Every structure is written in structure tokens, then in C-alpha cells.
């Protein structure tokens, strides 16, 4: 997956979607070549689900929750919320988790392409107030980048691989 920065004079949609796609591509780049046994290794006694595989699974679920969950009529399949936030991997191989993440990101792109940035969620969980597509894109940039920081640390601790 190639990383491309958005154009410096791009409009708001292109900047938001471009930076989110940059972060998504970096997720793939960060875990490229990591064996499944290392991807499932927990390094923090207090956070056993904080593994490379767990982060990838969580990012897939977060994409699903915010895009398919907010606009279920535009989703490819019925929306399913995971009460654990996607942190449980079910022992799946890292390649399968990355494939699932890529598929979910593609669905998210298709959903966003059908909406204007001011569109408010079609579904909002009862504990939240409705937010716009613009807000969701900005949040997903933040969420993905935050977890990329986790992947940076985990990857370096697992096999010494560093880099952005």
C-alpha cells in the first residue's frame, strides 16, 4: 500500500481523506514482515490485549464502528458492534487481520465518498451526540495515528524494527 501525502493546496475533503489514508497505509507498513507469533505476543503485563495483532484488530473494528456504524444503510453488510472494541483477535494470522483491516478501510472510503463533510451520522449510539463526517474523519486520523505510536513501540520491542 503506497503512502501519498495530500496536495498542499487540496480542498478539505482531500486533505482529511488523504491524511487518513496516509495513516492507514503506515499501519500496513509498520507491521510488514512481522511473524504471527510475534504479532500476538503481549509485552505489557497490565494490557495483555495490547499486541500488534490486537491493535490491527481494534483499528478494523474502529473503522467499522465509525463508518458502517454511523451510516449503516451505506454499508456492504449489516453493522455489528463488538463489545470488546475489536481487541480480541481469535488467534487469526496477522495477514488475515491486515486483509480484514484493508477491506474495512475500503468500505469506509466508499461510505465517505457518498457523503458531504457536513452530513450528520444516520445512527448515533444513545450515549453520544451526533457528529459530522468531518468530525469522524478527523477523529479517525487521531485514532489511527495514536495507535500507530503503539505499533512503533511494540514493533521495536519485538524485533528491533524502527521507522516511519
N, C-alpha and C. Protein backbone atom coordinates (compact mmCIF):
# COMPACT_ATOMS: atom_id res chain seq x y z
N UNK A 1 0.84 -1.17 0.00
CA UNK A 1 0.00 0.00 0.00
C UNK A 1 0.90 1.24 0.00
N UNK A 2 0.74 2.07 -1.00
CA UNK A 2 1.59 3.25 -1.15
C UNK A 2 1.09 4.40 -0.27
N UNK A 3 2.03 5.13 0.31
CA UNK A 3 1.69 6.31 1.11
C UNK A 3 1.91 7.56 0.26
N UNK A 4 0.87 8.40 0.19
CA UNK A 4 0.95 9.64 -0.58
C UNK A 4 0.35 10.75 0.27
N UNK A 5 1.14 11.81 0.51
CA UNK A 5 0.62 12.97 1.23
C UNK A 5 -0.39 13.69 0.35
N UNK A 6 -1.43 14.27 0.95
CA UNK A 6 -2.35 15.08 0.14
C UNK A 6 -1.64 16.32 -0.39
N UNK A 7 -2.12 16.81 -1.50
CA UNK A 7 -1.56 18.02 -2.11
C UNK A 7 -1.66 19.19 -1.13
N UNK A 8 -0.68 20.06 -1.16
CA UNK A 8 -0.64 21.20 -0.25
C UNK A 8 -1.78 22.18 -0.43
N UNK A 9 -2.34 22.26 -1.62
CA UNK A 9 -3.45 23.19 -1.88
C UNK A 9 -4.78 22.44 -2.05
N UNK A 10 -4.82 21.19 -1.60
CA UNK A 10 -6.03 20.38 -1.77
C UNK A 10 -7.18 20.94 -0.94
N UNK A 11 -8.40 20.59 -1.35
CA UNK A 11 -9.56 21.02 -0.58
C UNK A 11 -9.67 20.21 0.71
N UNK A 12 -10.60 20.60 1.56
CA UNK A 12 -10.72 20.00 2.88
C UNK A 12 -10.93 18.49 2.83
N UNK A 13 -11.81 18.01 1.96
CA UNK A 13 -12.08 16.57 1.85
C UNK A 13 -10.81 15.82 1.46
N UNK A 14 -10.10 16.33 0.47
CA UNK A 14 -8.88 15.65 0.02
C UNK A 14 -7.81 15.64 1.10
N UNK A 15 -7.72 16.71 1.88
CA UNK A 15 -6.74 16.74 2.98
C UNK A 15 -7.12 15.73 4.06
N UNK A 16 -8.39 15.73 4.48
CA UNK A 16 -8.81 14.80 5.54
C UNK A 16 -8.69 13.34 5.11
N UNK A 17 -9.22 13.02 3.94
CA UNK A 17 -9.15 11.63 3.48
C UNK A 17 -7.72 11.24 3.13
N UNK A 18 -6.95 12.20 2.63
CA UNK A 18 -5.55 11.92 2.29
C UNK A 18 -4.70 11.61 3.51
N UNK A 19 -4.86 12.40 4.57
CA UNK A 19 -4.09 12.11 5.78
C UNK A 19 -4.57 10.83 6.46
N UNK A 20 -5.86 10.54 6.41
CA UNK A 20 -6.33 9.27 6.97
C UNK A 20 -5.76 8.10 6.17
N UNK A 21 -5.76 8.20 4.85
CA UNK A 21 -5.18 7.13 4.04
C UNK A 21 -3.68 6.98 4.29
N UNK A 22 -2.98 8.09 4.54
CA UNK A 22 -1.56 8.02 4.88
C UNK A 22 -1.37 7.17 6.16
N UNK A 23 -2.18 7.45 7.17
CA UNK A 23 -2.09 6.71 8.43
C UNK A 23 -2.42 5.24 8.22
N UNK A 24 -3.48 4.97 7.45
CA UNK A 24 -3.86 3.59 7.18
C UNK A 24 -2.73 2.83 6.48
N UNK A 25 -2.12 3.45 5.50
CA UNK A 25 -1.01 2.80 4.77
C UNK A 25 0.18 2.57 5.70
N UNK A 26 0.39 3.48 6.63
CA UNK A 26 1.50 3.34 7.57
C UNK A 26 1.27 2.16 8.51
N UNK A 27 0.02 1.88 8.84
CA UNK A 27 -0.29 0.69 9.65
C UNK A 27 0.25 -0.55 8.94
N UNK A 28 -0.05 -0.68 7.67
CA UNK A 28 0.42 -1.85 6.91
C UNK A 28 1.95 -1.88 6.87
N UNK A 29 2.54 -0.74 6.60
CA UNK A 29 3.99 -0.65 6.51
C UNK A 29 4.66 -1.01 7.84
N UNK A 30 4.05 -0.60 8.94
CA UNK A 30 4.62 -0.81 10.27
C UNK A 30 4.68 -2.29 10.63
N UNK A 31 3.75 -3.09 10.17
CA UNK A 31 3.73 -4.50 10.57
C UNK A 31 4.20 -5.45 9.47
N UNK A 32 4.58 -4.90 8.33
CA UNK A 32 5.04 -5.72 7.21
C UNK A 32 6.16 -6.66 7.65
N UNK A 33 5.99 -7.93 7.37
CA UNK A 33 7.03 -8.92 7.64
C UNK A 33 7.08 -9.44 9.06
N UNK A 34 6.22 -8.99 9.94
CA UNK A 34 6.24 -9.45 11.32
C UNK A 34 5.57 -10.82 11.41
N UNK A 35 6.27 -11.82 11.95
CA UNK A 35 5.66 -13.15 12.07
C UNK A 35 4.45 -13.13 13.02
N UNK A 36 3.47 -13.98 12.75
CA UNK A 36 2.25 -14.03 13.55
C UNK A 36 2.54 -14.27 15.02
N UNK A 37 3.52 -15.13 15.32
CA UNK A 37 3.80 -15.41 16.73
C UNK A 37 4.28 -14.15 17.47
N UNK A 38 5.04 -13.29 16.79
CA UNK A 38 5.43 -12.02 17.41
C UNK A 38 4.27 -11.04 17.45
N UNK A 39 3.44 -11.05 16.43
CA UNK A 39 2.29 -10.13 16.37
C UNK A 39 1.31 -10.40 17.51
N UNK A 40 1.28 -11.61 18.01
CA UNK A 40 0.37 -11.98 19.08
C UNK A 40 1.02 -11.95 20.47
N UNK A 41 2.27 -11.55 20.53
CA UNK A 41 2.97 -11.53 21.81
C UNK A 41 2.65 -10.26 22.59
N UNK A 42 2.16 -10.45 23.81
CA UNK A 42 1.87 -9.32 24.70
C UNK A 42 3.15 -8.93 25.42
N UNK A 43 3.42 -7.63 25.45
CA UNK A 43 4.62 -7.13 26.12
C UNK A 43 4.31 -6.42 27.44
N UNK A 44 3.05 -6.12 27.67
CA UNK A 44 2.65 -5.40 28.87
C UNK A 44 1.78 -6.30 29.74
N UNK A 45 2.27 -6.63 30.92
CA UNK A 45 1.50 -7.50 31.82
C UNK A 45 0.13 -6.93 32.14
N UNK A 46 0.04 -5.62 32.25
CA UNK A 46 -1.22 -4.97 32.61
C UNK A 46 -2.16 -4.80 31.43
N UNK A 47 -1.68 -5.01 30.20
CA UNK A 47 -2.51 -4.86 29.00
C UNK A 47 -2.26 -6.03 28.05
N UNK A 48 -2.77 -7.21 28.38
CA UNK A 48 -2.48 -8.39 27.56
C UNK A 48 -3.03 -8.34 26.15
N UNK A 49 -4.02 -7.50 25.88
CA UNK A 49 -4.56 -7.39 24.52
C UNK A 49 -3.78 -6.38 23.67
N UNK A 50 -2.86 -5.65 24.29
CA UNK A 50 -2.06 -4.65 23.56
C UNK A 50 -0.93 -5.38 22.84
N UNK A 51 -1.29 -5.99 21.74
CA UNK A 51 -0.35 -6.69 20.87
C UNK A 51 -0.47 -6.04 19.49
N UNK A 52 0.47 -6.32 18.63
CA UNK A 52 0.36 -5.82 17.26
C UNK A 52 -0.94 -6.33 16.64
N UNK A 53 -1.23 -7.62 16.80
CA UNK A 53 -2.46 -8.19 16.26
C UNK A 53 -3.69 -7.53 16.87
N UNK A 54 -3.65 -7.29 18.19
CA UNK A 54 -4.76 -6.63 18.87
C UNK A 54 -5.01 -5.23 18.35
N UNK A 55 -3.94 -4.49 18.11
CA UNK A 55 -4.09 -3.12 17.60
C UNK A 55 -4.70 -3.15 16.20
N UNK A 56 -4.24 -4.04 15.34
CA UNK A 56 -4.79 -4.13 13.97
C UNK A 56 -6.27 -4.50 14.03
N UNK A 57 -6.61 -5.46 14.87
CA UNK A 57 -8.00 -5.88 15.02
C UNK A 57 -8.86 -4.72 15.54
N UNK A 58 -8.34 -4.00 16.51
CA UNK A 58 -9.06 -2.85 17.07
C UNK A 58 -9.25 -1.75 16.01
N UNK A 59 -8.22 -1.48 15.22
CA UNK A 59 -8.34 -0.46 14.18
C UNK A 59 -9.40 -0.84 13.15
N UNK A 60 -9.47 -2.12 12.81
CA UNK A 60 -10.52 -2.58 11.88
C UNK A 60 -11.90 -2.34 12.49
N UNK A 61 -12.04 -2.69 13.76
CA UNK A 61 -13.33 -2.50 14.41
C UNK A 61 -13.69 -1.03 14.54
N UNK A 62 -12.70 -0.19 14.80
CA UNK A 62 -12.94 1.24 14.92
C UNK A 62 -13.42 1.82 13.59
N UNK A 63 -12.79 1.41 12.49
CA UNK A 63 -13.26 1.82 11.15
C UNK A 63 -14.72 1.40 10.98
N UNK A 64 -15.01 0.17 11.32
CA UNK A 64 -16.36 -0.38 11.16
C UNK A 64 -17.37 0.41 12.01
N UNK A 65 -17.02 0.64 13.27
CA UNK A 65 -17.93 1.34 14.17
C UNK A 65 -18.25 2.75 13.68
N UNK A 66 -17.22 3.49 13.27
CA UNK A 66 -17.43 4.89 12.94
C UNK A 66 -18.03 5.11 11.56
N UNK A 67 -17.73 4.27 10.59
CA UNK A 67 -18.25 4.50 9.25
C UNK A 67 -19.49 3.63 8.98
N UNK A 68 -19.37 2.33 9.03
CA UNK A 68 -20.53 1.46 8.82
C UNK A 68 -21.55 1.65 9.95
N UNK A 69 -21.06 1.87 11.16
CA UNK A 69 -21.96 2.06 12.30
C UNK A 69 -22.71 3.37 12.25
N UNK A 70 -22.07 4.40 11.75
CA UNK A 70 -22.72 5.71 11.66
C UNK A 70 -23.65 5.82 10.46
N UNK A 71 -23.35 5.05 9.40
CA UNK A 71 -24.13 5.11 8.16
C UNK A 71 -24.46 3.68 7.71
N UNK A 72 -25.24 2.94 8.53
CA UNK A 72 -25.47 1.52 8.24
C UNK A 72 -26.15 1.25 6.91
N UNK A 73 -26.96 2.16 6.43
CA UNK A 73 -27.64 1.92 5.14
C UNK A 73 -26.66 1.97 3.97
N UNK A 74 -25.47 2.53 4.18
CA UNK A 74 -24.47 2.61 3.12
C UNK A 74 -23.43 1.49 3.21
N UNK A 75 -23.51 0.68 4.25
CA UNK A 75 -22.52 -0.38 4.48
C UNK A 75 -22.79 -1.60 3.60
N UNK A 76 -21.73 -2.36 3.33
CA UNK A 76 -21.83 -3.55 2.50
C UNK A 76 -22.56 -4.69 3.18
N UNK A 77 -22.48 -4.73 4.50
CA UNK A 77 -23.11 -5.82 5.26
C UNK A 77 -23.70 -5.22 6.54
N UNK A 78 -24.56 -5.96 7.21
CA UNK A 78 -25.17 -5.43 8.43
C UNK A 78 -24.11 -5.04 9.47
N UNK A 79 -24.38 -3.96 10.16
CA UNK A 79 -23.46 -3.46 11.18
C UNK A 79 -23.47 -4.37 12.39
N UNK A 80 -22.27 -4.67 12.90
CA UNK A 80 -22.12 -5.47 14.12
C UNK A 80 -21.13 -4.78 15.03
N UNK A 81 -21.58 -4.40 16.22
CA UNK A 81 -20.69 -3.77 17.20
C UNK A 81 -20.05 -4.87 18.04
N UNK A 82 -18.76 -4.75 18.30
CA UNK A 82 -18.03 -5.68 19.14
C UNK A 82 -17.90 -5.05 20.53
N UNK A 83 -18.45 -5.69 21.52
CA UNK A 83 -18.43 -5.13 22.87
C UNK A 83 -17.03 -5.00 23.44
N UNK A 84 -16.05 -5.66 22.83
CA UNK A 84 -14.66 -5.59 23.29
C UNK A 84 -13.81 -4.63 22.45
N UNK A 85 -14.44 -3.90 21.55
CA UNK A 85 -13.73 -2.92 20.74
C UNK A 85 -12.78 -3.52 19.72
N UNK A 86 -12.95 -4.80 19.43
CA UNK A 86 -12.12 -5.45 18.42
C UNK A 86 -10.77 -5.93 18.94
N UNK A 87 -10.51 -5.80 20.22
CA UNK A 87 -9.20 -6.17 20.75
C UNK A 87 -8.95 -7.68 20.75
N UNK A 88 -10.00 -8.49 20.72
CA UNK A 88 -9.83 -9.95 20.68
C UNK A 88 -9.58 -10.37 19.23
N UNK A 89 -8.49 -11.07 19.00
CA UNK A 89 -8.11 -11.43 17.64
C UNK A 89 -8.55 -12.82 17.23
N UNK A 90 -8.96 -13.63 18.18
CA UNK A 90 -9.34 -15.01 17.86
C UNK A 90 -8.18 -15.82 17.32
N UNK A 91 -6.96 -15.39 17.58
CA UNK A 91 -5.78 -16.13 17.13
C UNK A 91 -5.53 -16.06 15.64
N UNK A 92 -6.21 -15.15 14.94
CA UNK A 92 -6.04 -15.06 13.48
C UNK A 92 -4.63 -14.61 13.12
N UNK A 93 -4.18 -15.04 11.97
CA UNK A 93 -2.86 -14.67 11.45
C UNK A 93 -2.84 -13.17 11.15
N UNK A 94 -1.67 -12.57 11.30
CA UNK A 94 -1.53 -11.13 11.06
C UNK A 94 -1.94 -10.77 9.63
N UNK A 95 -1.63 -11.63 8.67
CA UNK A 95 -2.01 -11.36 7.27
C UNK A 95 -3.53 -11.29 7.14
N UNK A 96 -4.26 -12.15 7.84
CA UNK A 96 -5.72 -12.12 7.80
C UNK A 96 -6.26 -10.86 8.46
N UNK A 97 -5.65 -10.46 9.57
CA UNK A 97 -6.08 -9.24 10.25
C UNK A 97 -5.85 -8.02 9.37
N UNK A 98 -4.69 -7.97 8.70
CA UNK A 98 -4.40 -6.86 7.80
C UNK A 98 -5.35 -6.84 6.61
N UNK A 99 -5.69 -8.00 6.10
CA UNK A 99 -6.63 -8.08 4.99
C UNK A 99 -8.00 -7.58 5.42
N UNK A 100 -8.44 -7.98 6.61
CA UNK A 100 -9.72 -7.50 7.13
C UNK A 100 -9.72 -6.00 7.35
N UNK A 101 -8.58 -5.47 7.82
CA UNK A 101 -8.45 -4.03 8.01
C UNK A 101 -8.53 -3.31 6.66
N UNK A 102 -7.83 -3.81 5.67
CA UNK A 102 -7.85 -3.20 4.33
C UNK A 102 -9.27 -3.22 3.75
N UNK A 103 -9.98 -4.31 3.92
CA UNK A 103 -11.35 -4.42 3.43
C UNK A 103 -12.26 -3.42 4.12
N UNK A 104 -12.09 -3.28 5.43
CA UNK A 104 -12.92 -2.33 6.18
C UNK A 104 -12.61 -0.89 5.78
N UNK A 105 -11.32 -0.59 5.57
CA UNK A 105 -10.93 0.76 5.13
C UNK A 105 -11.52 1.07 3.76
N UNK A 106 -11.56 0.08 2.87
CA UNK A 106 -12.14 0.28 1.54
C UNK A 106 -13.64 0.59 1.66
N UNK A 107 -14.33 -0.13 2.56
CA UNK A 107 -15.74 0.16 2.79
C UNK A 107 -15.91 1.58 3.34
N UNK A 108 -15.06 1.96 4.28
CA UNK A 108 -15.13 3.31 4.85
C UNK A 108 -14.97 4.37 3.77
N UNK A 109 -14.02 4.15 2.84
CA UNK A 109 -13.82 5.09 1.74
C UNK A 109 -15.07 5.20 0.87
N UNK A 110 -15.70 4.05 0.58
CA UNK A 110 -16.91 4.05 -0.24
C UNK A 110 -18.04 4.82 0.45
N UNK A 111 -18.17 4.64 1.75
CA UNK A 111 -19.21 5.34 2.50
C UNK A 111 -18.96 6.84 2.46
N UNK A 112 -17.74 7.26 2.78
CA UNK A 112 -17.41 8.69 2.82
C UNK A 112 -17.60 9.33 1.45
N UNK A 113 -17.29 8.61 0.39
CA UNK A 113 -17.42 9.16 -0.97
C UNK A 113 -18.86 9.52 -1.31
N UNK A 114 -19.82 8.91 -0.63
CA UNK A 114 -21.24 9.17 -0.89
C UNK A 114 -21.81 10.32 -0.08
N UNK A 115 -21.00 10.90 0.80
CA UNK A 115 -21.50 11.89 1.75
C UNK A 115 -20.74 13.21 1.64
N UNK A 116 -21.38 14.28 2.04
CA UNK A 116 -20.67 15.55 2.16
C UNK A 116 -20.14 15.65 3.59
N UNK A 117 -19.14 16.49 3.80
CA UNK A 117 -18.48 16.57 5.11
C UNK A 117 -19.43 17.03 6.21
N UNK A 118 -20.46 17.79 5.87
CA UNK A 118 -21.41 18.27 6.87
C UNK A 118 -22.49 17.25 7.23
N UNK A 119 -22.54 16.11 6.53
CA UNK A 119 -23.56 15.11 6.83
C UNK A 119 -23.40 14.62 8.26
N UNK A 120 -24.51 14.60 8.98
CA UNK A 120 -24.51 14.10 10.35
C UNK A 120 -24.77 12.60 10.34
N UNK A 121 -24.28 11.93 11.35
CA UNK A 121 -24.48 10.48 11.47
C UNK A 121 -25.95 10.12 11.25
N UNK A 122 -26.17 9.01 10.57
CA UNK A 122 -27.53 8.49 10.42
C UNK A 122 -27.90 7.69 11.67
N UNK A 123 -26.90 7.15 12.35
CA UNK A 123 -27.12 6.44 13.61
C UNK A 123 -26.07 6.92 14.61
N UNK A 124 -26.52 7.24 15.80
CA UNK A 124 -25.63 7.66 16.88
C UNK A 124 -25.97 6.83 18.11
N UNK A 125 -24.98 6.18 18.73
CA UNK A 125 -25.28 5.45 19.97
C UNK A 125 -25.90 6.40 21.00
N UNK A 126 -26.79 5.89 21.84
CA UNK A 126 -27.54 6.75 22.76
C UNK A 126 -26.68 7.58 23.71
N UNK A 127 -25.49 7.13 24.03
CA UNK A 127 -24.64 7.85 24.98
C UNK A 127 -23.89 9.03 24.32
N UNK A 128 -24.01 9.21 23.02
CA UNK A 128 -23.29 10.26 22.30
C UNK A 128 -24.25 11.24 21.63
N UNK A 129 -23.73 12.39 21.27
CA UNK A 129 -24.48 13.32 20.44
C UNK A 129 -24.00 13.14 19.00
N UNK A 130 -24.86 13.39 18.02
CA UNK A 130 -24.47 13.19 16.62
C UNK A 130 -23.28 14.06 16.22
N UNK A 131 -22.46 13.50 15.33
CA UNK A 131 -21.29 14.20 14.81
C UNK A 131 -21.31 14.12 13.28
N UNK A 132 -20.54 14.98 12.65
CA UNK A 132 -20.49 15.06 11.19
C UNK A 132 -19.43 14.12 10.61
N UNK A 133 -19.51 13.92 9.31
CA UNK A 133 -18.48 13.16 8.59
C UNK A 133 -17.12 13.83 8.81
N UNK A 134 -17.07 15.14 8.79
CA UNK A 134 -15.83 15.88 9.03
C UNK A 134 -15.24 15.49 10.40
N UNK A 135 -16.07 15.46 11.42
CA UNK A 135 -15.64 15.11 12.77
C UNK A 135 -15.12 13.67 12.79
N UNK A 136 -15.86 12.76 12.14
CA UNK A 136 -15.46 11.35 12.13
C UNK A 136 -14.10 11.19 11.44
N UNK A 137 -13.91 11.83 10.30
CA UNK A 137 -12.62 11.73 9.60
C UNK A 137 -11.49 12.27 10.47
N UNK A 138 -11.72 13.39 11.12
CA UNK A 138 -10.68 13.97 11.99
C UNK A 138 -10.39 13.04 13.16
N UNK A 139 -11.43 12.49 13.75
CA UNK A 139 -11.24 11.55 14.85
C UNK A 139 -10.48 10.31 14.39
N UNK A 140 -10.80 9.80 13.21
CA UNK A 140 -10.12 8.60 12.72
C UNK A 140 -8.65 8.86 12.41
N UNK A 141 -8.31 10.06 11.97
CA UNK A 141 -6.90 10.41 11.80
C UNK A 141 -6.21 10.32 13.17
N UNK A 142 -6.83 10.93 14.17
CA UNK A 142 -6.27 10.92 15.53
C UNK A 142 -6.17 9.50 16.08
N UNK A 143 -7.23 8.74 15.95
CA UNK A 143 -7.27 7.37 16.49
C UNK A 143 -6.21 6.48 15.83
N UNK A 144 -6.13 6.55 14.52
CA UNK A 144 -5.17 5.72 13.80
C UNK A 144 -3.74 6.13 14.13
N UNK A 145 -3.48 7.43 14.16
CA UNK A 145 -2.13 7.91 14.47
C UNK A 145 -1.73 7.53 15.90
N UNK A 146 -2.66 7.61 16.83
CA UNK A 146 -2.37 7.24 18.22
C UNK A 146 -1.95 5.78 18.30
N UNK A 147 -2.69 4.92 17.62
CA UNK A 147 -2.35 3.50 17.66
C UNK A 147 -1.11 3.18 16.84
N UNK A 148 -0.78 4.01 15.85
CA UNK A 148 0.50 3.83 15.16
C UNK A 148 1.66 4.04 16.13
N UNK A 149 1.50 4.95 17.07
CA UNK A 149 2.52 5.12 18.11
C UNK A 149 2.69 3.86 18.93
N UNK A 150 1.58 3.20 19.24
CA UNK A 150 1.67 1.92 19.94
C UNK A 150 2.40 0.89 19.08
N UNK A 151 2.05 0.84 17.80
CA UNK A 151 2.71 -0.12 16.90
C UNK A 151 4.20 0.16 16.79
N UNK A 152 4.59 1.44 16.77
CA UNK A 152 6.01 1.79 16.74
C UNK A 152 6.75 1.14 17.91
N UNK A 153 6.22 1.34 19.09
CA UNK A 153 6.87 0.82 20.30
C UNK A 153 6.85 -0.69 20.31
N UNK A 154 5.70 -1.28 20.03
CA UNK A 154 5.61 -2.74 20.05
C UNK A 154 6.56 -3.38 19.05
N UNK A 155 6.58 -2.86 17.83
CA UNK A 155 7.44 -3.45 16.80
C UNK A 155 8.92 -3.35 17.18
N UNK A 156 9.33 -2.20 17.68
CA UNK A 156 10.73 -2.06 18.07
C UNK A 156 11.08 -3.01 19.20
N UNK A 157 10.20 -3.18 20.15
CA UNK A 157 10.46 -4.08 21.27
C UNK A 157 10.44 -5.55 20.84
N UNK A 158 9.63 -5.89 19.85
CA UNK A 158 9.52 -7.27 19.41
C UNK A 158 10.71 -7.73 18.58
N UNK A 159 11.14 -6.92 17.63
CA UNK A 159 12.22 -7.38 16.75
C UNK A 159 13.21 -6.31 16.35
N UNK A 160 13.12 -5.14 16.98
CA UNK A 160 14.10 -4.08 16.72
C UNK A 160 13.81 -3.23 15.50
N UNK A 161 12.74 -3.52 14.75
CA UNK A 161 12.43 -2.75 13.55
C UNK A 161 11.93 -1.37 13.95
N UNK A 162 12.53 -0.36 13.32
CA UNK A 162 12.16 1.03 13.59
C UNK A 162 11.89 1.72 12.26
N UNK A 163 11.23 2.85 12.34
CA UNK A 163 11.00 3.65 11.14
C UNK A 163 9.57 4.05 10.98
N UNK A 164 9.37 5.10 10.23
CA UNK A 164 8.05 5.64 9.98
C UNK A 164 7.74 5.45 8.53
